Amino acid sequence: MSISARVAVLPQTKGPLEIIELDLPEPGPYDVIVKQYASGVCHSQLHQMHSPRAAPLLLGHESTGVVLKTGSEVTHVKESDTVMVTWVPRDAKQSSRFPNIVNLTLPNGTLATSRNVFTWADIVVADEQFVVKVDPNINREVTAIIGCAVMTGAGAVENTAQVKSGQSVVIFGVGGVGLSAVVAAKTIGANPIIAVDLDEEKLKFAKRFGATHTINAADGDPVPKIHALTSHKDKRNIMGMPVTGADFAFDCIGRKQTMEQIVAASRSGFFGAEPGGTAVLVGVPQTSVELNATDILINEKKFIGSIGGSCCPDRDFSKYLDWYDKGLLDLDSMVTERFGLDQINEATTALDNGEIAGRAILVF
């Protein structure tokens, strides 16, 4: 018997998201059908909404739910299991195949496409590689953002950069991803942890999650202020000046200005003794970037990318759930807005207007 789902679909032409009811196909060998509890509303979906598209789009890529059906080759989950849906393969190293991308045929015969998964729907179908089994006793709502926001921000600090206790960190942009980076930096023991944003309320919010210092970039260039907070008077750079700058600078926004600022904010090298700091791009870039090659060369700085926090969901999701249980990761405070599926356009508009202090979720 077919399963009927209500799915948010972004039309190929300009216009708001539409809620369409359709019958999901029977699961293929590697498919899992999941009834949703909650889904995150991620800023990266705005980039998709504002970009040209060749077909209608299915959006959303982080959620919690319960398994309704599985394909014949699915072995790690079964009906009634509590799961998280994410957009990163749960253990790419152990998989011998590339996951299937799910597309749906709409009632009018048009094919709606997804990047890999979709979670803005009350029931979804996903390749088993994007489905992670979790404890059935989890908070079914706020933990939905682990599948993107938390793993992207915290993973960038832990996995990509491998920040160590006592190292200095600056984080540009303290929405859901940036706040998760702050939490990971605090858990590791980084110091100082500097939050940079244009919104004073978001900066105050970041202090609740572990930021030791905040800088409002609306008041001027934050880079000199970062260097003033991260001076090593006992070390000298190639010019004989005291070493300053953050050991790690994370851009959780992806704008041209912030991508360039994280390099400038990174620590200069200790001449002849140790290399400079690392700038980490976490936010999805929408423009090209011009980097100061002389600064990178002379101060031996690094500019690296972090996609999905370099996470292995099978390994990392249980850890982030444990952080939540222990009070290290305050998801209850981080999730600041809840919407129903029929309010999806309200949710995306609020996010686009900068009205979401932390993270918004859809609750089904």
Protein backbone atom coordinates (compact mmCIF):
# COMPACT_ATOMS: atom_id res chain seq x y z
CA MET A 1 0.00 0.00 0.00
CA SER A 2 1.39 3.41 -0.98
CA ILE A 3 2.21 6.04 1.65
CA SER A 4 0.86 9.55 1.18
CA ALA A 5 3.11 12.47 2.14
CA ARG A 6 2.81 16.24 2.33
CA VAL A 7 5.94 17.74 0.81
CA ALA A 8 7.20 21.32 0.51
CA VAL A 9 8.19 21.89 -3.13
CA LEU A 10 10.04 24.92 -4.49
CA PRO A 11 8.70 25.64 -7.99
CA GLN A 12 11.11 25.86 -10.91
CA THR A 13 9.95 29.42 -11.57
CA LYS A 14 9.90 32.18 -8.96
CA GLY A 15 7.33 31.80 -6.24
CA PRO A 16 6.84 30.57 -2.68
CA LEU A 17 7.18 26.98 -1.55
CA GLU A 18 4.07 24.90 -2.18
CA ILE A 19 2.77 22.08 0.02
CA ILE A 20 1.88 19.20 -2.28
CA GLU A 21 0.31 15.89 -1.30
CA LEU A 22 1.61 12.88 -3.21
CA ASP A 23 2.15 9.15 -2.92
CA LEU A 24 5.70 8.10 -2.16
CA PRO A 25 7.15 5.27 -4.25
CA GLU A 26 7.77 1.90 -2.63
CA PRO A 27 11.26 1.86 -1.11
CA GLY A 28 14.03 0.63 -3.37
CA PRO A 29 16.57 -1.89 -2.04
CA TYR A 30 18.57 0.78 -0.17
CA ASP A 31 15.75 3.18 0.70
CA VAL A 32 14.24 4.04 4.08
CA ILE A 33 10.86 5.72 4.52
CA VAL A 34 10.79 7.94 7.61
CA LYS A 35 7.85 9.62 9.33
CA GLN A 36 9.19 12.95 10.52
CA TYR A 37 9.17 14.41 14.01
CA ALA A 38 11.05 17.64 13.27
CA SER A 39 13.34 19.20 10.67
CA GLY A 40 15.83 22.04 10.78
CA VAL A 41 15.45 25.12 8.60
CA CYS A 42 18.97 25.78 7.38
CA HIS A 43 20.44 28.92 5.83
CA SER A 44 21.98 26.90 2.99
CA GLN A 45 18.45 26.23 1.71
CA LEU A 46 18.08 29.98 1.17
CA HIS A 47 20.99 29.81 -1.25
CA GLN A 48 19.11 27.14 -3.21
CA MET A 49 15.93 29.22 -3.13
CA HIS A 50 17.71 32.31 -4.47
CA SER A 51 19.57 30.45 -7.23
CA PRO A 52 18.33 29.49 -10.73
CA ARG A 53 17.07 25.89 -10.98
CA ALA A 54 16.34 23.47 -13.79
CA ALA A 55 13.48 21.71 -12.01
CA PRO A 56 11.31 22.00 -8.88
CA LEU A 57 13.33 21.39 -5.73
CA LEU A 58 12.82 19.32 -2.59
CA LEU A 59 14.56 21.01 0.33
CA GLY A 60 15.69 20.32 3.90
CA HIS A 61 18.52 18.09 5.07
CA GLU A 62 18.38 17.52 8.84
CA SER A 63 15.63 15.85 10.82
CA THR A 64 14.45 13.31 13.36
CA GLY A 65 11.83 10.65 12.74
CA VAL A 66 10.72 7.03 12.96
CA VAL A 67 11.20 4.35 10.31
CA LEU A 68 8.02 3.21 8.55
CA LYS A 69 9.51 0.97 5.84
CA THR A 70 12.91 -0.22 4.64
CA GLY A 71 14.26 -1.65 1.41
CA SER A 72 15.42 -5.23 1.10
CA GLU A 73 19.14 -4.40 1.46
CA VAL A 74 18.81 -2.12 4.51
CA THR A 75 20.20 -3.80 7.63
CA HIS A 76 21.16 -1.10 10.14
CA VAL A 77 17.60 0.15 10.81
CA LYS A 78 14.17 -1.47 10.89
CA GLU A 79 10.55 -0.41 11.24
CA SER A 80 9.82 1.64 14.41
CA ASP A 81 13.48 2.64 14.94
CA THR A 82 14.11 6.27 15.89
CA VAL A 83 16.48 7.89 13.41
CA MET A 84 18.08 11.09 12.23
CA VAL A 85 18.18 12.04 8.55
CA THR A 86 21.23 13.98 7.43
CA TRP A 87 22.90 14.98 4.17
CA VAL A 88 26.32 13.46 4.88
CA PRO A 89 26.78 9.68 4.41
CA ARG A 90 26.69 8.08 7.83
CA ASP A 91 30.00 6.27 7.31
CA ALA A 92 31.43 6.91 3.85
CA LYS A 93 34.61 4.93 4.57
CA GLN A 94 32.64 1.76 5.22
CA SER A 95 30.25 2.07 2.27
CA SER A 96 31.04 0.28 -0.97
CA ARG A 97 28.58 2.33 -3.03
CA PHE A 98 27.62 5.95 -3.58
CA PRO A 99 24.21 6.78 -2.03
CA ASN A 100 21.18 7.21 -4.26
CA ILE A 101 19.70 10.66 -4.73
CA VAL A 102 15.94 10.72 -4.16
CA ASN A 103 13.69 12.54 -6.64
CA LEU A 104 9.89 12.51 -6.66
CA THR A 105 7.31 12.65 -9.42
CA LEU A 106 4.73 15.31 -8.64
CA PRO A 107 1.00 14.82 -9.34
CA ASN A 108 1.32 16.85 -12.57
CA GLY A 109 4.04 14.51 -13.85
CA THR A 110 6.92 16.92 -13.19
CA LEU A 111 10.07 15.50 -11.56
CA ALA A 112 11.11 17.32 -8.38
CA THR A 113 14.77 16.90 -7.48
CA SER A 114 16.80 16.98 -4.28
CA ARG A 115 20.51 17.50 -3.64
CA ASN A 116 20.63 14.18 -1.80
CA VAL A 117 17.83 14.18 0.78
CA PHE A 118 14.76 16.26 1.60
CA THR A 119 13.26 16.79 5.05
CA TRP A 120 10.65 19.52 4.58
CA ALA A 121 7.89 16.92 4.46
CA ASP A 122 5.88 14.95 6.99
CA ILE A 123 7.14 11.67 5.50
CA VAL A 124 10.34 11.26 3.48
CA VAL A 125 12.26 8.61 1.58
CA ALA A 126 16.04 8.60 1.84
CA ASP A 127 18.97 6.40 0.97
CA GLU A 128 20.01 4.35 4.00
CA GLN A 129 23.41 6.07 3.98
CA PHE A 130 21.68 9.28 5.11
CA VAL A 131 19.73 7.61 7.93
CA VAL A 132 21.34 7.22 11.38
CA LYS A 133 19.82 5.10 14.14
CA VAL A 134 19.61 6.87 17.52
CA ASP A 135 18.26 6.25 21.00
CA PRO A 136 14.44 6.26 20.98
CA ASN A 137 14.40 8.38 24.15
CA ILE A 138 15.96 11.46 22.55
CA ASN A 139 14.22 14.81 22.55
CA ARG A 140 12.52 14.43 19.17
CA GLU A 141 12.40 18.12 18.32
CA VAL A 142 15.52 20.09 19.22
CA THR A 143 17.91 17.28 18.30
CA ALA A 144 16.78 17.61 14.67
CA ILE A 145 19.44 20.28 14.13
CA ILE A 146 22.29 17.90 14.93
CA GLY A 147 22.06 16.61 11.35
CA CYS A 148 23.44 19.84 9.89
CA ALA A 149 23.87 22.87 12.17
CA VAL A 150 25.56 21.07 15.05
CA MET A 151 27.71 18.69 13.05
CA THR A 152 28.80 21.46 10.67
CA GLY A 153 29.82 23.94 13.35
CA ALA A 154 31.09 21.60 16.05
CA GLY A 155 32.68 19.27 13.51
CA ALA A 156 34.61 22.11 11.90
CA VAL A 157 36.22 22.84 15.26
CA GLU A 158 36.76 19.22 16.32
CA ASN A 159 37.34 17.30 13.10
CA THR A 160 38.51 19.72 10.44
CA ALA A 161 40.62 22.12 12.49
CA GLN A 162 41.33 19.76 15.41
CA VAL A 163 41.49 22.66 17.86
CA LYS A 164 43.33 21.91 21.09
CA SER A 165 42.82 23.15 24.64
CA GLY A 166 44.27 26.62 25.17
CA GLN A 167 44.26 27.60 21.50
CA SER A 168 42.50 30.79 20.44
CA VAL A 169 39.41 30.70 18.26
CA VAL A 170 37.39 33.38 16.48
CA ILE A 171 34.03 32.58 14.90
CA PHE A 172 32.42 34.87 12.34
CA GLY A 173 28.63 34.48 12.30
CA VAL A 174 26.88 33.05 15.35
CA GLY A 175 23.69 31.57 14.01
CA GLY A 176 23.01 27.87 14.59
CA VAL A 177 26.25 26.72 12.94
CA GLY A 178 28.40 29.35 14.63
CA LEU A 179 26.87 28.68 18.04
CA SER A 180 27.67 24.98 17.60
CA ALA A 181 31.26 25.94 16.83
CA VAL A 182 31.33 28.01 20.02
CA VAL A 183 30.05 25.03 22.03
CA ALA A 184 32.70 22.71 20.60
CA ALA A 185 35.46 25.25 21.27
CA LYS A 186 34.31 25.62 24.86
CA THR A 187 34.08 21.84 25.36
CA ILE A 188 37.62 21.41 24.05
CA GLY A 189 38.94 24.19 26.29
CA ALA A 190 39.87 26.76 23.65
CA ASN A 191 40.67 30.25 24.94
CA PRO A 192 39.82 32.92 24.06
CA ILE A 193 36.65 32.16 22.09
CA ILE A 194 35.76 35.31 20.16
CA ALA A 195 32.35 35.66 18.50
CA VAL A 196 31.92 38.17 15.66
CA ASP A 197 28.55 39.22 14.26
CA LEU A 198 26.60 42.27 13.13
CA ASP A 199 23.75 41.63 15.58
CA GLU A 200 24.27 42.61 19.22
CA GLU A 201 21.53 40.25 20.42
CA LYS A 202 23.19 37.30 18.68
CA LEU A 203 26.48 38.23 20.31
CA LYS A 204 24.86 38.28 23.76
CA PHE A 205 23.32 34.91 22.89
CA ALA A 206 26.77 33.55 21.94
CA LYS A 207 28.11 34.36 25.41
CA ARG A 208 25.50 31.98 26.87
CA PHE A 209 27.08 29.19 24.79
CA GLY A 210 30.69 29.87 25.74
CA ALA A 211 32.04 32.89 23.87
CA THR A 212 34.56 34.69 26.10
CA HIS A 213 34.63 37.85 23.99
CA THR A 214 32.31 39.39 21.40
CA ILE A 215 32.92 41.89 18.61
CA ASN A 216 30.16 43.71 16.76
CA ALA A 217 31.42 44.08 13.20
CA ALA A 218 28.80 46.79 12.60
CA ASP A 219 31.02 49.07 14.69
CA GLY A 220 34.03 48.74 12.38
CA ASP A 221 36.64 46.29 11.13
CA PRO A 222 36.83 43.42 13.65
CA VAL A 223 40.30 42.25 12.59
CA PRO A 224 42.39 44.76 14.63
CA LYS A 225 40.24 43.98 17.69
CA ILE A 226 40.88 40.26 17.24
CA HIS A 227 44.64 40.85 17.05
CA ALA A 228 44.48 42.98 20.20
CA LEU A 229 42.83 40.08 22.05
CA THR A 230 45.33 37.47 20.82
CA SER A 231 48.81 38.91 21.32
CA HIS A 232 51.86 36.76 22.11
CA LYS A 233 54.49 39.29 23.20
CA ASP A 234 57.08 36.55 23.74
CA LYS A 235 56.95 35.50 20.07
CA ARG A 236 58.03 37.45 16.98
CA ASN A 237 56.92 37.21 13.36
CA ILE A 238 59.15 37.51 10.31
CA MET A 239 59.11 41.30 10.66
CA GLY A 240 60.22 41.15 14.30
CA MET A 241 56.81 42.21 15.59
CA PRO A 242 54.89 40.38 18.35
CA VAL A 243 52.82 37.46 17.05
CA THR A 244 49.10 38.26 17.07
CA GLY A 245 45.92 36.71 15.69
CA ALA A 246 43.75 33.69 16.36
CA ASP A 247 45.10 30.18 16.08
CA PHE A 248 41.87 29.32 14.20
CA ALA A 249 39.40 31.65 12.51
CA PHE A 250 36.09 30.18 11.32
CA ASP A 251 33.80 31.79 8.76
CA CYS A 252 30.29 30.43 9.33
CA ILE A 253 28.79 32.88 6.82
CA GLY A 254 30.60 32.52 3.47
CA ARG A 255 30.55 36.13 2.27
CA LYS A 256 33.46 37.63 0.38
CA GLN A 257 34.26 40.05 3.20
CA THR A 258 34.23 37.43 5.95
CA MET A 259 36.20 34.92 3.88
CA GLU A 260 38.93 37.52 3.54
CA GLN A 261 38.71 38.61 7.16
CA ILE A 262 39.32 35.13 8.59
CA VAL A 263 42.72 35.05 6.87
CA ALA A 264 43.59 38.51 8.15
CA ALA A 265 42.40 37.54 11.65
CA SER A 266 44.53 34.37 11.77
CA ARG A 267 47.73 34.34 13.75
CA SER A 268 51.03 35.24 12.10
CA GLY A 269 53.78 32.65 12.24
CA PHE A 270 56.50 32.55 14.91
CA PHE A 271 59.48 33.12 12.60
CA GLY A 272 61.58 29.99 12.28
CA ALA A 273 59.69 28.18 15.05
CA GLU A 274 56.05 27.52 14.13
CA PRO A 275 53.63 28.24 11.28
CA GLY A 276 50.78 30.72 11.42
CA GLY A 277 47.11 30.20 12.10
CA THR A 278 44.38 28.51 10.09
CA ALA A 279 41.38 30.15 8.44
CA VAL A 280 38.49 27.68 8.07
CA LEU A 281 35.64 28.26 5.62
CA VAL A 282 32.46 26.70 7.01
CA GLY A 283 29.64 28.77 5.49
CA VAL A 284 28.54 28.13 1.90
CA PRO A 285 30.24 30.74 -0.31
CA GLN A 286 28.20 32.59 -2.91
CA THR A 287 31.03 34.66 -4.38
CA SER A 288 34.67 34.42 -5.32
CA VAL A 289 37.27 35.58 -2.83
CA GLU A 290 40.54 37.54 -3.03
CA LEU A 291 43.15 36.34 -0.56
CA ASN A 292 46.29 38.20 0.47
CA ALA A 293 48.87 35.77 -0.87
CA THR A 294 51.76 37.69 0.68
CA ASP A 295 50.18 37.42 4.13
CA ILE A 296 49.59 33.69 3.65
CA LEU A 297 53.16 33.11 2.43
CA ILE A 298 55.14 35.25 4.88
CA ASN A 299 53.11 34.28 7.92
CA GLU A 300 52.65 30.65 6.84
CA LYS A 301 48.87 30.79 7.23
CA LYS A 302 46.44 28.19 5.95
CA PHE A 303 43.03 28.61 4.30
CA ILE A 304 41.00 25.39 4.36
CA GLY A 305 37.41 24.30 3.83
CA SER A 306 35.14 22.27 6.07
CA ILE A 307 32.09 20.59 4.54
CA GLY A 308 29.61 19.17 7.02
CA GLY A 309 32.21 19.53 9.76
CA SER A 310 34.19 16.60 8.27
CA CYS A 311 31.72 14.49 10.23
CA CYS A 312 31.04 10.77 10.29
CA PRO A 313 27.42 10.74 11.54
CA ASP A 314 27.58 7.14 12.78
CA ARG A 315 30.44 8.20 15.05
CA ASP A 316 29.59 11.80 15.89
CA PHE A 317 25.81 11.98 16.37
CA SER A 318 25.84 9.89 19.54
CA LYS A 319 28.55 12.18 20.94
CA TYR A 320 26.50 15.32 20.27
CA LEU A 321 23.43 13.68 21.80
CA ASP A 322 25.57 12.93 24.85
CA TRP A 323 26.67 16.58 24.97
CA TYR A 324 23.00 17.55 25.00
CA ASP A 325 22.19 15.09 27.79
CA LYS A 326 25.08 16.42 29.88
CA GLY A 327 24.09 20.04 29.38
CA LEU A 328 27.15 20.89 27.28
CA LEU A 329 25.07 21.53 24.14
CA ASP A 330 22.00 23.61 25.03
CA LEU A 331 19.78 22.77 22.07
CA ASP A 332 16.71 23.89 24.00
CA SER A 333 18.04 27.44 23.94
CA MET A 334 19.58 27.17 20.47
CA VAL A 335 16.24 26.30 18.86
CA THR A 336 14.50 29.66 19.11
CA GLU A 337 11.60 29.28 16.66
CA ARG A 338 9.16 26.50 15.75
CA PHE A 339 6.92 26.37 12.70
CA GLY A 340 4.48 23.90 11.19
CA LEU A 341 4.94 22.61 7.64
CA ASP A 342 2.19 24.95 6.39
CA GLN A 343 4.25 27.84 7.77
CA ILE A 344 7.37 26.97 5.77
CA ASN A 345 7.31 30.25 3.82
CA GLU A 346 7.03 32.20 7.07
CA ALA A 347 10.03 30.28 8.40
CA THR A 348 12.23 30.90 5.35
CA THR A 349 11.24 34.58 5.21
CA ALA A 350 12.11 35.06 8.88
CA LEU A 351 15.46 33.37 8.32
CA ASP A 352 16.15 35.46 5.23
CA ASN A 353 15.36 38.63 7.18
CA GLY A 354 17.74 37.73 10.00
CA GLU A 355 14.92 37.30 12.49
CA ILE A 356 16.00 33.87 13.79
CA ALA A 357 18.36 34.31 16.74
CA GLY A 358 19.48 30.69 16.89
CA ARG A 359 17.90 27.95 14.78
CA ALA A 360 14.36 27.43 13.50
CA ILE A 361 12.74 24.01 13.14
CA LEU A 362 9.64 22.56 11.55
CA VAL A 363 7.60 20.39 13.91
CA PHE A 364 5.31 17.76 12.40
